[in-house]
């Protein structure tokens, strides 16, 4: 059976997957101003990504693919879906912070940028303000 990628609400299974990869979950709650995509096969969660909207900019966050399914393009598919939604919402650029996946995001067209130069609403997001360490690499992509 094929992998299905769809919009979904944050749930305990998603939280468990993110925590198993060391990603923050404290601000991801149902009804938050973000949109979460899940990749699943026969009810089993394989991956997730979220995109937050802050005016004409967005924050791509919480990209995670279950161990055993990494390296087969699933993360790229999830990011494409998030980017597609951002374009529909007329977002000009997406920003992200990463401590481990700079090469992965660079391969998808994201470029390193100065964390201090992100748009104010992005800089005020929980990812930028308090959840990600100052050592995290800031990246962006114009859509």
C-alpha atoms as a PDB file:
ATOM      1  CA  UNK A   1       0.000   0.000   0.000  1.00  0.00           C
ATOM      2  CA  UNK A   2       1.233   3.501  -0.840  1.00  0.00           C
ATOM      3  CA  UNK A   3       2.200   6.130   1.678  1.00  0.00           C
ATOM      4  CA  UNK A   4      -0.547   8.718   2.154  1.00  0.00           C
ATOM      5  CA  UNK A   5       0.363  12.299   3.076  1.00  0.00           C
ATOM      6  CA  UNK A   6      -2.442  14.382   4.523  1.00  0.00           C
ATOM      7  CA  UNK A   7      -3.198  17.321   6.785  1.00  0.00           C
ATOM      8  CA  UNK A   8      -3.880  16.171  10.322  1.00  0.00           C
ATOM      9  CA  UNK A   9      -4.163  17.302  13.921  1.00  0.00           C
ATOM     10  CA  UNK A  10      -1.309  16.901  16.372  1.00  0.00           C
ATOM     11  CA  UNK A  11      -1.805  13.698  18.364  1.00  0.00           C
ATOM     12  CA  UNK A  12       0.075  11.471  20.858  1.00  0.00           C
ATOM     13  CA  UNK A  13       1.538   9.287  18.077  1.00  0.00           C
ATOM     14  CA  UNK A  14       3.043  12.379  16.434  1.00  0.00           C
ATOM     15  CA  UNK A  15       4.387  13.580  19.768  1.00  0.00           C
ATOM     16  CA  UNK A  16       6.051  10.211  20.371  1.00  0.00           C
ATOM     17  CA  UNK A  17       7.722  10.237  16.934  1.00  0.00           C
ATOM     18  CA  UNK A  18       9.042  13.782  17.418  1.00  0.00           C
ATOM     19  CA  UNK A  19      10.308  13.069  20.920  1.00  0.00           C
ATOM     20  CA  UNK A  20      12.088   9.914  19.729  1.00  0.00           C
ATOM     21  CA  UNK A  21      14.134  12.158  17.423  1.00  0.00           C
ATOM     22  CA  UNK A  22      14.797  14.798  20.071  1.00  0.00           C
ATOM     23  CA  UNK A  23      12.498  17.424  18.540  1.00  0.00           C
ATOM     24  CA  UNK A  24      10.504  19.833  20.740  1.00  0.00           C
ATOM     25  CA  UNK A  25       6.785  19.241  21.192  1.00  0.00           C
ATOM     26  CA  UNK A  26       5.813  21.530  24.061  1.00  0.00           C
ATOM     27  CA  UNK A  27       4.182  24.109  21.779  1.00  0.00           C
ATOM     28  CA  UNK A  28       2.557  21.710  19.325  1.00  0.00           C
ATOM     29  CA  UNK A  29      -1.042  21.351  20.389  1.00  0.00           C
ATOM     30  CA  UNK A  30      -4.269  20.689  18.567  1.00  0.00           C
ATOM     31  CA  UNK A  31      -5.719  23.911  17.234  1.00  0.00           C
ATOM     32  CA  UNK A  32      -2.370  25.730  17.127  1.00  0.00           C
ATOM     33  CA  UNK A  33      -1.886  28.175  14.230  1.00  0.00           C
ATOM     34  CA  UNK A  34       0.177  25.652  12.315  1.00  0.00           C
ATOM     35  CA  UNK A  35      -0.677  22.971   9.812  1.00  0.00           C
ATOM     36  CA  UNK A  36       0.706  19.502  10.280  1.00  0.00           C
ATOM     37  CA  UNK A  37       1.223  16.938   7.545  1.00  0.00           C
ATOM     38  CA  UNK A  38       1.464  13.253   8.388  1.00  0.00           C
ATOM     39  CA  UNK A  39       2.737  10.429   6.234  1.00  0.00           C
ATOM     40  CA  UNK A  40       1.145   7.093   7.038  1.00  0.00           C
ATOM     41  CA  UNK A  41       0.781   3.604   5.689  1.00  0.00           C
ATOM     42  CA  UNK A  42      -2.006   1.352   6.975  1.00  0.00           C
ATOM     43  CA  UNK A  43      -2.504   3.535   9.996  1.00  0.00           C
ATOM     44  CA  UNK A  44       1.168   3.547  10.966  1.00  0.00           C
ATOM     45  CA  UNK A  45       2.819   6.952  11.246  1.00  0.00           C
ATOM     46  CA  UNK A  46       5.953   7.203   9.089  1.00  0.00           C
ATOM     47  CA  UNK A  47       6.713  10.913   9.190  1.00  0.00           C
ATOM     48  CA  UNK A  48       5.552  14.411   9.942  1.00  0.00           C
ATOM     49  CA  UNK A  49       6.266  18.067   9.219  1.00  0.00           C
ATOM     50  CA  UNK A  50       4.558  21.268  10.290  1.00  0.00           C
ATOM     51  CA  UNK A  51       4.404  24.763   8.874  1.00  0.00           C
ATOM     52  CA  UNK A  52       3.465  27.844  10.877  1.00  0.00           C
ATOM     53  CA  UNK A  53       2.165  30.970   9.201  1.00  0.00           C
ATOM     54  CA  UNK A  54       3.354  34.388  10.348  1.00  0.00           C
ATOM     55  CA  UNK A  55       1.967  36.930   7.907  1.00  0.00           C
ATOM     56  CA  UNK A  56       3.715  36.569   4.560  1.00  0.00           C
ATOM     57  CA  UNK A  57       6.411  34.335   6.045  1.00  0.00           C
ATOM     58  CA  UNK A  58       6.361  30.875   7.548  1.00  0.00           C
ATOM     59  CA  UNK A  59       8.312  28.549   9.795  1.00  0.00           C
ATOM     60  CA  UNK A  60       8.939  25.012   8.590  1.00  0.00           C
ATOM     61  CA  UNK A  61       9.355  22.802  11.624  1.00  0.00           C
ATOM     62  CA  UNK A  62       9.202  19.363  13.136  1.00  0.00           C
ATOM     63  CA  UNK A  63      10.301  17.402  10.074  1.00  0.00           C
ATOM     64  CA  UNK A  64      10.733  13.849  11.258  1.00  0.00           C
ATOM     65  CA  UNK A  65      10.757  10.509   9.460  1.00  0.00           C
ATOM     66  CA  UNK A  66      10.569   7.260  11.403  1.00  0.00           C
ATOM     67  CA  UNK A  67      13.741   5.237  11.589  1.00  0.00           C
ATOM     68  CA  UNK A  68      13.673   2.578   8.892  1.00  0.00           C
ATOM     69  CA  UNK A  69      11.980   4.937   6.435  1.00  0.00           C
ATOM     70  CA  UNK A  70      14.721   7.542   6.208  1.00  0.00           C
ATOM     71  CA  UNK A  71      16.593   8.100   2.969  1.00  0.00           C
ATOM     72  CA  UNK A  72      13.749   7.091   0.655  1.00  0.00           C
ATOM     73  CA  UNK A  73      12.450  10.598  -0.124  1.00  0.00           C
ATOM     74  CA  UNK A  74       9.615  10.699   2.384  1.00  0.00           C
ATOM     75  CA  UNK A  75      10.991  13.794   4.127  1.00  0.00           C
ATOM     76  CA  UNK A  76      11.279  15.557   0.785  1.00  0.00           C
ATOM     77  CA  UNK A  77       7.650  14.681  -0.024  1.00  0.00           C
ATOM     78  CA  UNK A  78       6.487  16.035   3.319  1.00  0.00           C
ATOM     79  CA  UNK A  79       8.392  19.294   2.831  1.00  0.00           C
ATOM     80  CA  UNK A  80       6.954  19.677  -0.694  1.00  0.00           C
ATOM     81  CA  UNK A  81       3.426  19.393   0.704  1.00  0.00           C
ATOM     82  CA  UNK A  82       4.167  22.020   3.363  1.00  0.00           C
ATOM     83  CA  UNK A  83       5.693  24.310   0.726  1.00  0.00           C
ATOM     84  CA  UNK A  84       2.682  23.811  -1.551  1.00  0.00           C
ATOM     85  CA  UNK A  85       0.335  24.878   1.234  1.00  0.00           C
ATOM     86  CA  UNK A  86       2.548  27.879   2.013  1.00  0.00           C
ATOM     87  CA  UNK A  87       2.388  28.991  -1.630  1.00  0.00           C
ATOM     88  CA  UNK A  88      -1.413  28.662  -1.550  1.00  0.00           C
ATOM     89  CA  UNK A  89      -1.409  30.900   1.538  1.00  0.00           C
ATOM     90  CA  UNK A  90       0.759  33.428  -0.376  1.00  0.00           C
ATOM     91  CA  UNK A  91       3.777  32.956   1.878  1.00  0.00           C
ATOM     92  CA  UNK A  92       6.887  34.549   0.369  1.00  0.00           C
ATOM     93  CA  UNK A  93       9.519  32.549   2.242  1.00  0.00           C
ATOM     94  CA  UNK A  94       9.907  29.746   4.755  1.00  0.00           C
ATOM     95  CA  UNK A  95      12.441  29.777   7.578  1.00  0.00           C
ATOM     96  CA  UNK A  96      13.702  26.926   9.729  1.00  0.00           C
ATOM     97  CA  UNK A  97      16.205  26.069  12.427  1.00  0.00           C
ATOM     98  CA  UNK A  98      18.150  22.813  12.440  1.00  0.00           C
ATOM     99  CA  UNK A  99      20.876  21.270  14.523  1.00  0.00           C
ATOM    100  CA  UNK A 100      21.280  18.076  12.494  1.00  0.00           C
ATOM    101  CA  UNK A 101      19.801  18.329   9.005  1.00  0.00           C
ATOM    102  CA  UNK A 102      21.468  21.290   7.300  1.00  0.00           C
ATOM    103  CA  UNK A 103      22.554  19.152   4.330  1.00  0.00           C
ATOM    104  CA  UNK A 104      19.083  17.653   3.956  1.00  0.00           C
ATOM    105  CA  UNK A 105      17.457  21.078   3.758  1.00  0.00           C
ATOM    106  CA  UNK A 106      20.195  22.477   1.507  1.00  0.00           C
ATOM    107  CA  UNK A 107      19.424  19.689  -0.966  1.00  0.00           C
ATOM    108  CA  UNK A 108      15.817  20.971  -1.012  1.00  0.00           C
ATOM    109  CA  UNK A 109      16.858  24.528  -1.847  1.00  0.00           C
ATOM    110  CA  UNK A 110      17.152  26.049   1.626  1.00  0.00           C
ATOM    111  CA  UNK A 111      20.107  28.376   2.207  1.00  0.00           C
ATOM    112  CA  UNK A 112      21.783  29.402   5.420  1.00  0.00           C
ATOM    113  CA  UNK A 113      20.829  32.862   6.675  1.00  0.00           C
ATOM    114  CA  UNK A 114      21.461  35.058   9.696  1.00  0.00           C
ATOM    115  CA  UNK A 115      19.053  34.200  12.505  1.00  0.00           C
ATOM    116  CA  UNK A 116      19.039  37.841  13.589  1.00  0.00           C
ATOM    117  CA  UNK A 117      17.761  38.963  10.188  1.00  0.00           C
ATOM    118  CA  UNK A 118      14.556  36.899  10.004  1.00  0.00           C
ATOM    119  CA  UNK A 119      11.249  38.806   9.808  1.00  0.00           C
ATOM    120  CA  UNK A 120      10.046  39.955  13.265  1.00  0.00           C
ATOM    121  CA  UNK A 121       7.014  37.640  13.391  1.00  0.00           C
ATOM    122  CA  UNK A 122       9.208  34.648  12.541  1.00  0.00           C
ATOM    123  CA  UNK A 123      11.753  35.710  15.151  1.00  0.00           C
ATOM    124  CA  UNK A 124       8.975  35.876  17.741  1.00  0.00           C
ATOM    125  CA  UNK A 125       7.834  32.294  17.048  1.00  0.00           C
ATOM    126  CA  UNK A 126       8.413  29.712  19.765  1.00  0.00           C
ATOM    127  CA  UNK A 127      10.976  27.911  17.589  1.00  0.00           C
ATOM    128  CA  UNK A 128      13.125  31.004  17.211  1.00  0.00           C
ATOM    129  CA  UNK A 129      12.451  32.618  20.572  1.00  0.00           C
ATOM    130  CA  UNK A 130      12.866  29.774  23.031  1.00  0.00           C
ATOM    131  CA  UNK A 131      12.782  26.174  21.761  1.00  0.00           C
ATOM    132  CA  UNK A 132      15.797  25.876  19.471  1.00  0.00           C
ATOM    133  CA  UNK A 133      19.316  26.482  20.776  1.00  0.00           C
ATOM    134  CA  UNK A 134      21.341  29.464  19.627  1.00  0.00           C
ATOM    135  CA  UNK A 135      23.706  26.990  17.946  1.00  0.00           C
ATOM    136  CA  UNK A 136      20.944  25.890  15.522  1.00  0.00           C
ATOM    137  CA  UNK A 137      21.561  26.777  11.880  1.00  0.00           C
ATOM    138  CA  UNK A 138      18.986  29.173  10.422  1.00  0.00           C
ATOM    139  CA  UNK A 139      17.915  28.503   6.836  1.00  0.00           C
ATOM    140  CA  UNK A 140      15.384  29.998   4.450  1.00  0.00           C
ATOM    141  CA  UNK A 141      13.814  29.406   1.070  1.00  0.00           C
ATOM    142  CA  UNK A 142      11.969  31.902  -1.113  1.00  0.00           C
ATOM    143  CA  UNK A 143       8.824  30.363  -2.554  1.00  0.00           C
END
